[in-house]
Amino acid sequence: METTYQAGAPERAEIDALAGPVLLEFGANWCGHCRATQAPLAEAYAGHGGVRHIKVEDGPGRALGRTFRVKLWPTLIFLRDGVELARLVRPLESEPIAAAFGRIDTPA
């Protein structure tokens, strides 16, 4: 599981072309809501080590978040083979995150 939002974001075409399960997380390292989500996310991520986790720093002038219509942080987008299957905004409990992981991955 990634721990830091990265300023350099992949292009949308790269995300759409990714094979397998992917968690795309939009937020900012200084965001309190984003920090509050990290413990339940870590709990839900356990057993899903095969899911690629991409943490993207979002904000003004950051195009990738706009292509996914991200408005609040953190936004978690669960993809399989480039197709969005679930989305959570500001989750604070592990259960809905685990359910979303279940839509894209089977536990190891």
Protein backbone atom coordinates (compact mmCIF):
# COMPACT_ATOMS: atom_id res chain seq x y z
CA MET A 1 0.00 0.00 0.00
CA GLU A 2 1.30 3.42 -0.95
CA THR A 3 1.66 5.95 1.87
CA THR A 4 2.34 9.25 0.10
CA TYR A 5 0.37 11.11 -2.56
CA GLN A 6 2.60 11.58 -5.61
CA ALA A 7 2.66 14.90 -7.45
CA GLY A 8 3.44 13.24 -10.78
CA ALA A 9 0.25 11.64 -12.07
CA PRO A 10 -0.04 9.16 -14.90
CA GLU A 11 -2.05 10.12 -17.96
CA ARG A 12 -5.69 9.02 -18.14
CA ALA A 13 -4.89 6.73 -21.09
CA GLU A 14 -2.31 4.93 -18.93
CA ILE A 15 -4.89 4.36 -16.17
CA ASP A 16 -7.50 3.15 -18.66
CA ALA A 17 -4.97 0.65 -20.08
CA LEU A 18 -3.97 -0.89 -16.72
CA ALA A 19 -4.73 -4.59 -16.46
CA GLY A 20 -6.09 -6.17 -13.29
CA PRO A 21 -7.28 -4.57 -10.06
CA VAL A 22 -6.21 -1.01 -9.26
CA LEU A 23 -7.06 1.38 -6.43
CA LEU A 24 -6.69 4.97 -7.59
CA GLU A 25 -6.69 7.34 -4.61
CA PHE A 26 -6.95 11.11 -5.00
CA GLY A 27 -6.05 13.47 -2.16
CA ALA A 28 -3.26 15.55 -0.64
CA ASN A 29 -0.63 14.76 1.99
CA TRP A 30 -1.73 17.72 4.16
CA CYS A 31 -5.48 16.89 3.97
CA GLY A 32 -7.01 15.90 7.33
CA HIS A 33 -9.79 13.87 5.69
CA CYS A 34 -7.15 11.97 3.70
CA ARG A 35 -5.14 11.19 6.84
CA ALA A 36 -8.29 10.01 8.63
CA THR A 37 -8.97 7.49 5.86
CA GLN A 38 -5.52 5.87 5.99
CA ALA A 39 -6.10 3.54 8.99
CA PRO A 40 -9.37 2.05 7.69
CA LEU A 41 -7.84 1.82 4.22
CA ALA A 42 -4.82 -0.08 5.56
CA GLU A 43 -7.13 -2.45 7.44
CA ALA A 44 -9.23 -3.13 4.34
CA TYR A 45 -6.16 -3.41 2.05
CA ALA A 46 -4.76 -6.31 4.11
CA GLY A 47 -5.07 -9.45 2.02
CA HIS A 48 -5.30 -7.51 -1.23
CA GLY A 49 -1.58 -7.15 -1.94
CA GLY A 50 -2.23 -7.93 -5.61
CA VAL A 51 -4.15 -4.67 -6.03
CA ARG A 52 -2.00 -1.91 -7.44
CA HIS A 53 -2.43 1.23 -5.32
CA ILE A 54 -1.80 4.60 -6.97
CA LYS A 55 -1.99 7.69 -4.73
CA VAL A 56 -2.35 10.84 -6.80
CA GLU A 57 -1.91 14.32 -5.36
CA ASP A 58 -4.90 16.30 -6.56
CA GLY A 59 -5.59 20.01 -6.75
CA PRO A 60 -5.87 22.97 -9.09
CA GLY A 61 -4.30 22.33 -12.46
CA ARG A 62 -4.18 18.56 -11.93
CA ALA A 63 -5.95 17.07 -14.93
CA LEU A 64 -6.29 13.42 -13.90
CA GLY A 65 -8.65 14.17 -11.01
CA ARG A 66 -10.86 16.26 -13.29
CA THR A 67 -11.16 13.41 -15.79
CA PHE A 68 -12.56 11.26 -12.95
CA ARG A 69 -14.81 14.12 -11.70
CA VAL A 70 -13.09 14.20 -8.28
CA LYS A 71 -14.54 16.94 -6.09
CA LEU A 72 -13.72 15.90 -2.50
CA TRP A 73 -10.71 14.23 -0.93
CA PRO A 74 -9.97 11.51 -0.49
CA THR A 75 -11.74 9.87 -3.39
CA LEU A 76 -11.02 6.16 -3.83
CA ILE A 77 -11.71 4.72 -7.27
CA PHE A 78 -11.63 0.95 -7.64
CA LEU A 79 -10.82 -0.23 -11.15
CA ARG A 80 -10.49 -3.58 -12.88
CA ASP A 81 -8.89 -3.55 -16.32
CA GLY A 82 -9.34 0.23 -16.53
CA VAL A 83 -13.08 0.15 -15.75
CA GLU A 84 -14.42 1.84 -12.63
CA LEU A 85 -16.40 -0.64 -10.53
CA ALA A 86 -16.68 1.27 -7.24
CA ARG A 87 -16.04 4.72 -5.80
CA LEU A 88 -15.86 5.94 -2.21
CA VAL A 89 -15.57 9.54 -1.05
CA ARG A 90 -14.17 10.26 2.42
CA PRO A 91 -14.65 6.76 3.83
CA LEU A 92 -13.96 6.52 7.57
CA GLU A 93 -14.70 2.81 8.14
CA SER A 94 -12.98 -0.25 6.72
CA GLU A 95 -16.19 -2.16 5.83
CA PRO A 96 -17.21 -0.15 2.75
CA ILE A 97 -13.58 -0.09 1.59
CA ALA A 98 -13.34 -3.87 2.00
CA ALA A 99 -16.58 -4.31 0.05
CA ALA A 100 -15.18 -2.19 -2.79
CA PHE A 101 -11.98 -4.27 -2.79
CA GLY A 102 -14.21 -7.33 -3.08
CA ARG A 103 -15.63 -5.97 -6.33
CA ILE A 104 -12.18 -5.80 -7.96
CA ASP A 105 -10.13 -8.48 -6.22
CA THR A 106 -10.31 -11.77 -4.39
CA PRO A 107 -8.39 -11.87 -1.08
CA ALA A 108 -5.01 -13.58 -1.10
